[in-house]
C-alpha atoms as a PDB file:
ATOM      1  CA  MET A   1     -21.361   6.245  -0.525  1.00  0.00           C
ATOM      2  CA  LYS A   2     -18.239   3.795   0.225  1.00  0.00           C
ATOM      3  CA  PHE A   3     -18.185   0.482  -1.567  1.00  0.00           C
ATOM      4  CA  PHE A   4     -16.030  -2.180  -0.037  1.00  0.00           C
ATOM      5  CA  THR A   5     -14.859  -5.225  -2.298  1.00  0.00           C
ATOM      6  CA  ASP A   6     -11.990  -7.848  -2.058  1.00  0.00           C
ATOM      7  CA  ARG A   7      -8.381  -7.288  -2.390  1.00  0.00           C
ATOM      8  CA  THR A   8      -8.443  -8.634  -6.479  1.00  0.00           C
ATOM      9  CA  VAL A   9      -9.281  -5.155  -7.574  1.00  0.00           C
ATOM     10  CA  GLU A  10      -7.753  -1.439  -7.164  1.00  0.00           C
ATOM     11  CA  ASN A  11     -10.223   0.208  -4.609  1.00  0.00           C
ATOM     12  CA  ASP A  12     -10.397   2.324  -2.070  1.00  0.00           C
ATOM     13  CA  PHE A  13     -12.189   0.392   0.437  1.00  0.00           C
ATOM     14  CA  LEU A  14     -11.547  -3.203   1.600  1.00  0.00           C
ATOM     15  CA  LEU A  15     -13.166  -5.941   2.591  1.00  0.00           C
ATOM     16  CA  ILE A  16     -11.112  -8.628   3.919  1.00  0.00           C
ATOM     17  CA  LYS A  17     -11.383 -12.414   5.732  1.00  0.00           C
ATOM     18  CA  ILE A  18      -9.860 -11.901   9.148  1.00  0.00           C
ATOM     19  CA  LYS A  19      -7.151 -15.103   8.770  1.00  0.00           C
ATOM     20  CA  ASP A  20      -6.266 -13.234   5.260  1.00  0.00           C
ATOM     21  CA  TYR A  21      -5.686  -9.907   7.538  1.00  0.00           C
ATOM     22  CA  ILE A  22      -3.624 -11.695  10.061  1.00  0.00           C
ATOM     23  CA  ARG A  23      -1.570 -13.676   7.308  1.00  0.00           C
ATOM     24  CA  LEU A  24      -1.049 -10.406   5.566  1.00  0.00           C
ATOM     25  CA  ARG A  25      -0.021  -8.375   8.495  1.00  0.00           C
ATOM     26  CA  GLU A  26       2.435 -10.790   9.776  1.00  0.00           C
ATOM     27  CA  LYS A  27       4.511 -10.755   6.366  1.00  0.00           C
ATOM     28  CA  GLY A  28       4.421  -6.726   6.709  1.00  0.00           C
ATOM     29  CA  GLU A  29       1.430  -5.519   4.731  1.00  0.00           C
ATOM     30  CA  LYS A  30       0.390  -1.915   6.355  1.00  0.00           C
ATOM     31  CA  PHE A  31      -2.865  -1.914   4.162  1.00  0.00           C
ATOM     32  CA  SER A  32      -1.785   1.931   3.342  1.00  0.00           C
ATOM     33  CA  LYS A  33      -3.535   1.631   0.009  1.00  0.00           C
ATOM     34  CA  TRP A  34      -7.224   1.373   1.422  1.00  0.00           C
ATOM     35  CA  LYS A  35      -8.925   4.326   3.104  1.00  0.00           C
ATOM     36  CA  GLU A  36     -10.770   2.014   5.426  1.00  0.00           C
ATOM     37  CA  VAL A  37     -10.548  -1.501   5.908  1.00  0.00           C
ATOM     38  CA  TYR A  38     -13.576  -3.913   7.186  1.00  0.00           C
ATOM     39  CA  ILE A  39     -12.487  -7.083   8.545  1.00  0.00           C
ATOM     40  CA  ASP A  40     -14.733 -10.120   7.824  1.00  0.00           C
ATOM     41  CA  PRO A  41     -14.878 -13.300   9.961  1.00  0.00           C
ATOM     42  CA  GLY A  42     -15.753 -15.413   6.715  1.00  0.00           C
ATOM     43  CA  VAL A  43     -18.995 -16.643   7.004  1.00  0.00           C
ATOM     44  CA  TYR A  44     -18.697 -19.485   4.704  1.00  0.00           C
ATOM     45  CA  GLU A  45     -16.741 -21.671   6.958  1.00  0.00           C
ATOM     46  CA  LEU A  46     -20.060 -21.752   8.914  1.00  0.00           C
ATOM     47  CA  LYS A  47     -21.719 -23.938   6.413  1.00  0.00           C
ATOM     48  CA  LYS A  48     -20.149 -26.620   7.819  1.00  0.00           C
ATOM     49  CA  ARG A  49     -19.401 -26.355  11.562  1.00  0.00           C
ATOM     50  CA  ASP A  50     -20.790 -24.214  14.242  1.00  0.00           C
ATOM     51  CA  GLU A  51     -17.128 -22.319  14.952  1.00  0.00           C
ATOM     52  CA  TYR A  52     -14.984 -20.134  12.825  1.00  0.00           C
ATOM     53  CA  SER A  53     -11.299 -21.872  11.668  1.00  0.00           C
ATOM     54  CA  TRP A  54      -9.226 -18.968  12.178  1.00  0.00           C
ATOM     55  CA  ARG A  55      -5.812 -19.056  12.303  1.00  0.00           C
ATOM     56  CA  ASN A  56      -3.708 -17.359  14.918  1.00  0.00           C
ATOM     57  CA  LEU A  57      -7.357 -15.976  16.522  1.00  0.00           C
ATOM     58  CA  LYS A  58      -9.025 -17.785  19.197  1.00  0.00           C
ATOM     59  CA  GLN A  59     -12.677 -17.090  20.375  1.00  0.00           C
ATOM     60  CA  ASN A  60     -11.835 -16.475  23.909  1.00  0.00           C
ATOM     61  CA  TYR A  61     -12.511 -12.475  25.233  1.00  0.00           C
ATOM     62  CA  ASP A  62      -8.938 -11.680  25.704  1.00  0.00           C
ATOM     63  CA  GLN A  63      -7.753 -12.455  22.240  1.00  0.00           C
ATOM     64  CA  ILE A  64     -10.288 -10.477  20.249  1.00  0.00           C
ATOM     65  CA  LEU A  65      -9.940  -7.658  22.247  1.00  0.00           C
ATOM     66  CA  ASP A  66      -6.276  -7.814  21.969  1.00  0.00           C
ATOM     67  CA  PHE A  67      -6.851  -8.040  18.180  1.00  0.00           C
ATOM     68  CA  LEU A  68      -9.574  -4.893  18.588  1.00  0.00           C
ATOM     69  CA  ASP A  69      -6.924  -2.784  20.479  1.00  0.00           C
ATOM     70  CA  SER A  70      -3.929  -3.431  17.801  1.00  0.00           C
ATOM     71  CA  LEU A  71      -5.974  -2.487  14.850  1.00  0.00           C
ATOM     72  CA  PRO A  72      -4.897   0.811  13.539  1.00  0.00           C
ATOM     73  CA  GLU A  73      -7.749   4.328  12.691  1.00  0.00           C
ATOM     74  CA  LYS A  74     -10.656   3.159  10.212  1.00  0.00           C
ATOM     75  CA  HIS A  75      -9.917  -0.593  10.227  1.00  0.00           C
ATOM     76  CA  TYR A  76     -13.094  -2.451  11.873  1.00  0.00           C
ATOM     77  CA  PHE A  77     -14.085  -5.820  12.646  1.00  0.00           C
ATOM     78  CA  SER A  78     -17.110  -7.408  13.174  1.00  0.00           C
ATOM     79  CA  LEU A  79     -17.282 -10.673  14.936  1.00  0.00           C
ATOM     80  CA  ASP A  80     -21.017 -12.069  13.963  1.00  0.00           C
ATOM     81  CA  TYR A  81     -22.674 -15.330  12.850  1.00  0.00           C
ATOM     82  CA  PRO A  82     -25.323 -14.938   9.856  1.00  0.00           C
ATOM     83  CA  SER A  83     -28.314 -17.452  10.954  1.00  0.00           C
ATOM     84  CA  ASP A  84     -28.764 -18.649   7.318  1.00  0.00           C
ATOM     85  CA  MET A  85     -25.531 -20.279   6.690  1.00  0.00           C
ATOM     86  CA  ASN A  86     -26.133 -23.114   8.630  1.00  0.00           C
ATOM     87  CA  ILE A  87     -30.164 -23.454   9.853  1.00  0.00           C
ATOM     88  CA  GLU A  88     -29.041 -26.409  12.209  1.00  0.00           C
ATOM     89  CA  TYR A  89     -27.461 -23.855  14.512  1.00  0.00           C
ATOM     90  CA  GLN A  90     -29.690 -20.539  13.921  1.00  0.00           C
ATOM     91  CA  GLU A  91     -30.371 -20.121  17.099  1.00  0.00           C
ATOM     92  CA  TYR A  92     -27.068 -20.727  18.555  1.00  0.00           C
ATOM     93  CA  PHE A  93     -26.178 -18.196  16.122  1.00  0.00           C
ATOM     94  CA  LEU A  94     -28.238 -15.537  16.718  1.00  0.00           C
ATOM     95  CA  GLU A  95     -27.446 -15.861  20.457  1.00  0.00           C
ATOM     96  CA  LYS A  96     -23.724 -15.733  19.903  1.00  0.00           C
ATOM     97  CA  THR A  97     -24.005 -12.883  17.457  1.00  0.00           C
ATOM     98  CA  TRP A  98     -25.781 -10.862  20.439  1.00  0.00           C
ATOM     99  CA  ARG A  99     -23.448 -12.063  22.934  1.00  0.00           C
ATOM    100  CA  MET A 100     -20.451 -10.667  20.726  1.00  0.00           C
ATOM    101  CA  ALA A 101     -22.212  -7.549  20.573  1.00  0.00           C
ATOM    102  CA  LYS A 102     -22.699  -6.724  23.970  1.00  0.00           C
ATOM    103  CA  LYS A 103     -19.041  -7.934  24.777  1.00  0.00           C
ATOM    104  CA  TYR A 104     -17.042  -5.501  21.969  1.00  0.00           C
ATOM    105  CA  HIS A 105     -19.912  -2.768  21.377  1.00  0.00           C
ATOM    106  CA  SER A 106     -17.981  -0.441  23.160  1.00  0.00           C
ATOM    107  CA  HIS A 107     -14.914  -0.884  21.400  1.00  0.00           C
ATOM    108  CA  SER A 108     -13.887   1.956  18.453  1.00  0.00           C
ATOM    109  CA  GLN A 109     -13.057  -0.397  15.582  1.00  0.00           C
ATOM    110  CA  TYR A 110     -15.785  -2.863  16.636  1.00  0.00           C
ATOM    111  CA  ILE A 111     -18.726  -3.085  14.190  1.00  0.00           C
ATOM    112  CA  VAL A 112     -22.027  -4.493  15.507  1.00  0.00           C
ATOM    113  CA  THR A 113     -23.667  -6.203  12.963  1.00  0.00           C
ATOM    114  CA  VAL A 114     -27.437  -7.208  13.901  1.00  0.00           C
ATOM    115  CA  GLN A 115     -28.608 -10.515  12.785  1.00  0.00           C
ATOM    116  CA  SER A 116     -32.038 -12.098  12.311  1.00  0.00           C
ATOM    117  CA  LYS A 117     -33.767 -15.021  11.348  1.00  0.00           C
ATOM    118  CA  PHE A 118     -33.689 -15.092   7.657  1.00  0.00           C
ATOM    119  CA  ASN A 119     -36.307 -12.894   5.621  1.00  0.00           C
ATOM    120  CA  ASN A 120     -38.214 -12.643   8.996  1.00  0.00           C
ATOM    121  CA  TYR A 121     -39.676  -9.073   9.047  1.00  0.00           C
ATOM    122  CA  TRP A 122     -40.646  -9.131  12.892  1.00  0.00           C
ATOM    123  CA  ASN A 123     -37.604 -10.890  14.158  1.00  0.00           C
ATOM    124  CA  PHE A 124     -35.586  -7.849  12.251  1.00  0.00           C
ATOM    125  CA  ILE A 125     -37.654  -5.252  14.257  1.00  0.00           C
ATOM    126  CA  GLU A 126     -37.011  -7.327  17.452  1.00  0.00           C
ATOM    127  CA  CYS A 127     -33.401  -7.873  17.013  1.00  0.00           C
ATOM    128  CA  PHE A 128     -33.111  -4.223  15.406  1.00  0.00           C
ATOM    129  CA  ASP A 129     -34.432  -2.599  18.247  1.00  0.00           C
ATOM    130  CA  LYS A 130     -32.266  -4.752  20.730  1.00  0.00           C
ATOM    131  CA  TYR A 131     -29.020  -3.846  19.122  1.00  0.00           C
ATOM    132  CA  ASN A 132     -30.010  -0.316  18.421  1.00  0.00           C
ATOM    133  CA  ASN A 133     -30.029   0.373  21.911  1.00  0.00           C
ATOM    134  CA  LEU A 134     -26.414  -0.485  22.397  1.00  0.00           C
ATOM    135  CA  ASP A 135     -23.768   2.766  22.457  1.00  0.00           C
ATOM    136  CA  ILE A 136     -21.667   1.658  19.396  1.00  0.00           C
ATOM    137  CA  LYS A 137     -18.406   3.268  19.905  1.00  0.00           C
ATOM    138  CA  SER A 138     -17.565   2.902  16.183  1.00  0.00           C
ATOM    139  CA  GLY A 139     -20.978   4.425  15.270  1.00  0.00           C
ATOM    140  CA  ILE A 140     -20.801   1.369  12.602  1.00  0.00           C
ATOM    141  CA  MET A 141     -24.270  -0.620  12.634  1.00  0.00           C
ATOM    142  CA  GLY A 142     -23.995  -3.611  10.047  1.00  0.00           C
ATOM    143  CA  LEU A 143     -27.163  -5.042   8.510  1.00  0.00           C
ATOM    144  CA  GLY A 144     -26.312  -9.304   7.819  1.00  0.00           C
ATOM    145  CA  ASN A 145     -28.949 -11.543   5.865  1.00  0.00           C
ATOM    146  CA  MET A 146     -29.362  -9.088   2.652  1.00  0.00           C
ATOM    147  CA  CYS A 147     -26.734 -10.628   0.972  1.00  0.00           C
ATOM    148  CA  ARG A 148     -28.648 -13.532  -0.565  1.00  0.00           C
ATOM    149  CA  PHE A 149     -31.091 -11.247  -2.295  1.00  0.00           C
ATOM    150  CA  ALA A 150     -30.143 -10.675  -5.891  1.00  0.00           C
ATOM    151  CA  PHE A 151     -33.572  -8.111  -6.441  1.00  0.00           C
ATOM    152  CA  LEU A 152     -35.076  -5.482  -4.297  1.00  0.00           C
ATOM    153  CA  ASN A 153     -37.710  -7.348  -2.611  1.00  0.00           C
ATOM    154  CA  GLU A 154     -40.989  -6.737  -0.273  1.00  0.00           C
ATOM    155  CA  TYR A 155     -38.647  -8.135   2.725  1.00  0.00           C
ATOM    156  CA  MET A 156     -35.818  -5.387   2.313  1.00  0.00           C
ATOM    157  CA  LYS A 157     -38.229  -2.623   1.744  1.00  0.00           C
ATOM    158  CA  HIS A 158     -40.031  -3.350   4.622  1.00  0.00           C
ATOM    159  CA  VAL A 159     -36.563  -3.679   6.900  1.00  0.00           C
ATOM    160  CA  ILE A 160     -34.027  -1.146   4.933  1.00  0.00           C
ATOM    161  CA  PRO A 161     -36.651   1.655   5.850  1.00  0.00           C
ATOM    162  CA  TYR A 162     -36.916   1.131   9.043  1.00  0.00           C
ATOM    163  CA  ALA A 163     -33.277   0.708  10.024  1.00  0.00           C
ATOM    164  CA  PHE A 164     -32.238   4.261   8.573  1.00  0.00           C
ATOM    165  CA  LYS A 165     -35.641   6.258  10.057  1.00  0.00           C
ATOM    166  CA  ASN A 166     -34.785   4.218  13.541  1.00  0.00           C
ATOM    167  CA  CYS A 167     -30.886   4.078  13.721  1.00  0.00           C
ATOM    168  CA  ASN A 168     -29.085   5.729  16.619  1.00  0.00           C
ATOM    169  CA  HIS A 169     -25.875   5.343  15.230  1.00  0.00           C
ATOM    170  CA  GLU A 170     -23.628   7.455  12.383  1.00  0.00           C
ATOM    171  CA  ARG A 171     -23.382   4.510   9.843  1.00  0.00           C
ATOM    172  CA  ILE A 172     -25.202   1.475   8.276  1.00  0.00           C
ATOM    173  CA  HIS A 173     -23.435  -0.886   6.692  1.00  0.00           C
ATOM    174  CA  ILE A 174     -25.650  -3.095   4.916  1.00  0.00           C
ATOM    175  CA  TYR A 175     -23.489  -6.644   3.733  1.00  0.00           C
ATOM    176  CA  GLY A 176     -23.573  -7.393   0.165  1.00  0.00           C
ATOM    177  CA  LEU A 177     -26.207  -5.361  -0.810  1.00  0.00           C
ATOM    178  CA  CYS A 178     -27.624  -6.090  -4.665  1.00  0.00           C
ATOM    179  CA  LEU A 179     -27.099  -3.451  -7.103  1.00  0.00           C
ATOM    180  CA  ARG A 180     -31.067  -2.667  -7.607  1.00  0.00           C
ATOM    181  CA  ALA A 181     -31.467  -2.080  -3.740  1.00  0.00           C
ATOM    182  CA  ILE A 182     -28.432  -0.046  -3.678  1.00  0.00           C
ATOM    183  CA  PRO A 183     -29.937   3.415  -5.043  1.00  0.00           C
ATOM    184  CA  TYR A 184     -33.240   2.743  -2.924  1.00  0.00           C
ATOM    185  CA  ALA A 185     -31.160   2.166   0.513  1.00  0.00           C
ATOM    186  CA  TYR A 186     -29.003   5.757  -0.728  1.00  0.00           C
ATOM    187  CA  LYS A 187     -31.788   7.797  -0.766  1.00  0.00           C
ATOM    188  CA  LEU A 188     -32.863   6.504   2.490  1.00  0.00           C
ATOM    189  CA  SER A 189     -29.462   7.434   3.937  1.00  0.00           C
ATOM    190  CA  LYS A 190     -29.717  10.681   2.227  1.00  0.00           C
ATOM    191  CA  ARG A 191     -32.964  11.280   3.740  1.00  0.00           C
ATOM    192  CA  PHE A 192     -32.568  10.577   7.154  1.00  0.00           C
ATOM    193  CA  GLY A 193     -28.762  11.378   7.591  1.00  0.00           C
ATOM    194  CA  ILE A 194     -27.293   8.402   8.249  1.00  0.00           C
ATOM    195  CA  GLU A 195     -24.222   7.341   5.863  1.00  0.00           C
ATOM    196  CA  LEU A 196     -24.297   4.029   4.204  1.00  0.00           C
ATOM    197  CA  THR A 197     -21.876   2.027   2.998  1.00  0.00           C
ATOM    198  CA  THR A 198     -21.718  -1.733   1.451  1.00  0.00           C
ATOM    199  CA  ASP A 199     -19.850  -4.123   0.313  1.00  0.00           C
ATOM    200  CA  SER A 200     -20.091  -7.270  -2.925  1.00  0.00           C
ATOM    201  CA  THR A 201     -18.853  -9.449  -5.107  1.00  0.00           C
ATOM    202  CA  LYS A 202     -21.725  -9.607  -7.060  1.00  0.00           C
ATOM    203  CA  TRP A 203     -19.758  -7.224  -9.712  1.00  0.00           C
ATOM    204  CA  THR A 204     -18.026 -10.442 -10.834  1.00  0.00           C
ATOM    205  CA  ARG A 205     -21.202 -10.852 -13.040  1.00  0.00           C
ATOM    206  CA  THR A 206     -21.960  -8.570 -16.100  1.00  0.00           C
ATOM    207  CA  VAL A 207     -24.557  -6.289 -15.140  1.00  0.00           C
ATOM    208  CA  ASN A 208     -26.112  -5.102 -18.170  1.00  0.00           C
ATOM    209  CA  PRO A 209     -27.048  -6.370 -21.798  1.00  0.00           C
ATOM    210  CA  GLU A 210     -24.587  -3.346 -23.164  1.00  0.00           C
ATOM    211  CA  PHE A 211     -21.419  -4.732 -21.452  1.00  0.00           C
ATOM    212  CA  ARG A 212     -22.158  -8.352 -22.037  1.00  0.00           C
ATOM    213  CA  LYS A 213     -22.338  -7.713 -25.917  1.00  0.00           C
ATOM    214  CA  SER A 214     -19.340  -5.530 -25.582  1.00  0.00           C
ATOM    215  CA  LEU A 215     -17.301  -8.574 -24.444  1.00  0.00           C
ATOM    216  CA  GLY A 216     -18.883 -10.920 -27.417  1.00  0.00           C
ATOM    217  CA  GLU A 217     -20.767 -13.782 -27.970  1.00  0.00           C
ATOM    218  CA  ASN A 218     -18.820 -16.332 -26.597  1.00  0.00           C
ATOM    219  CA  HIS A 219     -18.247 -14.467 -23.390  1.00  0.00           C
ATOM    220  CA  ARG A 220     -19.377 -16.353 -19.945  1.00  0.00           C
ATOM    221  CA  ALA A 221     -21.218 -14.113 -17.840  1.00  0.00           C
ATOM    222  CA  CYS A 222     -18.939 -14.616 -15.085  1.00  0.00           C
ATOM    223  CA  CYS A 223     -15.561 -12.586 -15.305  1.00  0.00           C
ATOM    224  CA  GLY A 224     -12.334 -14.490 -15.756  1.00  0.00           C
ATOM    225  CA  LYS A 225      -9.218 -13.504 -13.311  1.00  0.00           C
ATOM    226  CA  GLU A 226      -8.035 -10.772 -16.012  1.00  0.00           C
ATOM    227  CA  GLU A 227     -10.956  -9.043 -16.220  1.00  0.00           C
ATOM    228  CA  ARG A 228     -11.720  -8.299 -12.613  1.00  0.00           C
ATOM    229  CA  GLN A 229     -10.838  -5.062 -12.859  1.00  0.00           C
ATOM    230  CA  LEU A 230     -12.787  -4.316 -15.743  1.00  0.00           C
ATOM    231  CA  PHE A 231     -16.337  -5.477 -14.412  1.00  0.00           C
ATOM    232  CA  PHE A 232     -15.606  -3.721 -11.118  1.00  0.00           C
ATOM    233  CA  ASP A 233     -15.281  -0.951 -12.772  1.00  0.00           C
ATOM    234  CA  GLN A 234     -18.181  -1.074 -14.675  1.00  0.00           C
ATOM    235  CA  TYR A 235     -20.319  -2.157 -11.400  1.00  0.00           C
ATOM    236  CA  LEU A 236     -19.230   1.132 -10.339  1.00  0.00           C
ATOM    237  CA  ILE A 237     -20.527   3.099 -13.207  1.00  0.00           C
ATOM    238  CA  GLU A 238     -24.026   1.332 -12.960  1.00  0.00           C
ATOM    239  CA  ILE A 239     -23.931   2.354  -9.310  1.00  0.00           C
ATOM    240  CA  ARG A 240     -23.429   5.803 -10.372  1.00  0.00           C
ATOM    241  CA  LYS A 241     -25.747   5.889 -13.061  1.00  0.00           C
ATOM    242  CA  ARG A 242     -28.544   5.374 -10.703  1.00  0.00           C
ATOM    243  CA  GLY A 243     -27.947   8.501  -8.819  1.00  0.00           C
ATOM    244  CA  VAL A 244     -25.821   7.061  -5.622  1.00  0.00           C
ATOM    245  CA  VAL A 245     -22.438   9.441  -5.078  1.00  0.00           C
ATOM    246  CA  LEU A 246     -19.932   7.550  -4.272  1.00  0.00           C
ATOM    247  CA  GLU A 247     -16.484   8.202  -2.759  1.00  0.00           C
ATOM    248  CA  ASN A 248     -14.715   5.299  -4.430  1.00  0.00           C
ATOM    249  CA  GLY A 249     -12.133   6.919  -6.629  1.00  0.00           C
ATOM    250  CA  ASN A 250     -12.155  10.447  -5.200  1.00  0.00           C
END
């Protein structure tokens, strides 16, 4: 399994916002230190408005297509609108994500991300089946609306098996999958022969009592800037303890 995260730590697999990707690329960054790069639109900008505020990339077909065409091998981009970020725009976001998937699914650098109504099992099934029938050239199907869950819940126990059992594509990427759900999804990926990748920054909080105790009684639960690598490395250790084989660091 490949675990993606931000560029504040040393890691083989990078998840980066598009505005940061464009800014760094303009400065000459080649991104050669990462084995794969997933480019995210930056969903938190949707909390206050109904559009992403990107620099140098407007949301029209030609410019997005030009951006996709400019990406090197193993750099992938998803343009999706999570329905839970701004409930006022839920239906609009779902429709627009589907519209983007239909436009760009045939591009080899595009991740088709399934968005559905938050925590709604039947709507997930309906949306997944629709997206699953697309001929996804990249082979990567993303699953959104999982990052808000801190624990493996009943919703996830329904939708994750359904996705792996029925997926027509080579890889499933689950955005923001929590630590306790990773081994659950990993076992399903091995059972059904679908590659699993995920990303998270949940590692910025201490992951077990022993690790917290080792940091000292007065240490806060969330890591400081100078401790990010320590916390991230510990998170990967915890993932491996749960029987997950990681490609990170190999």
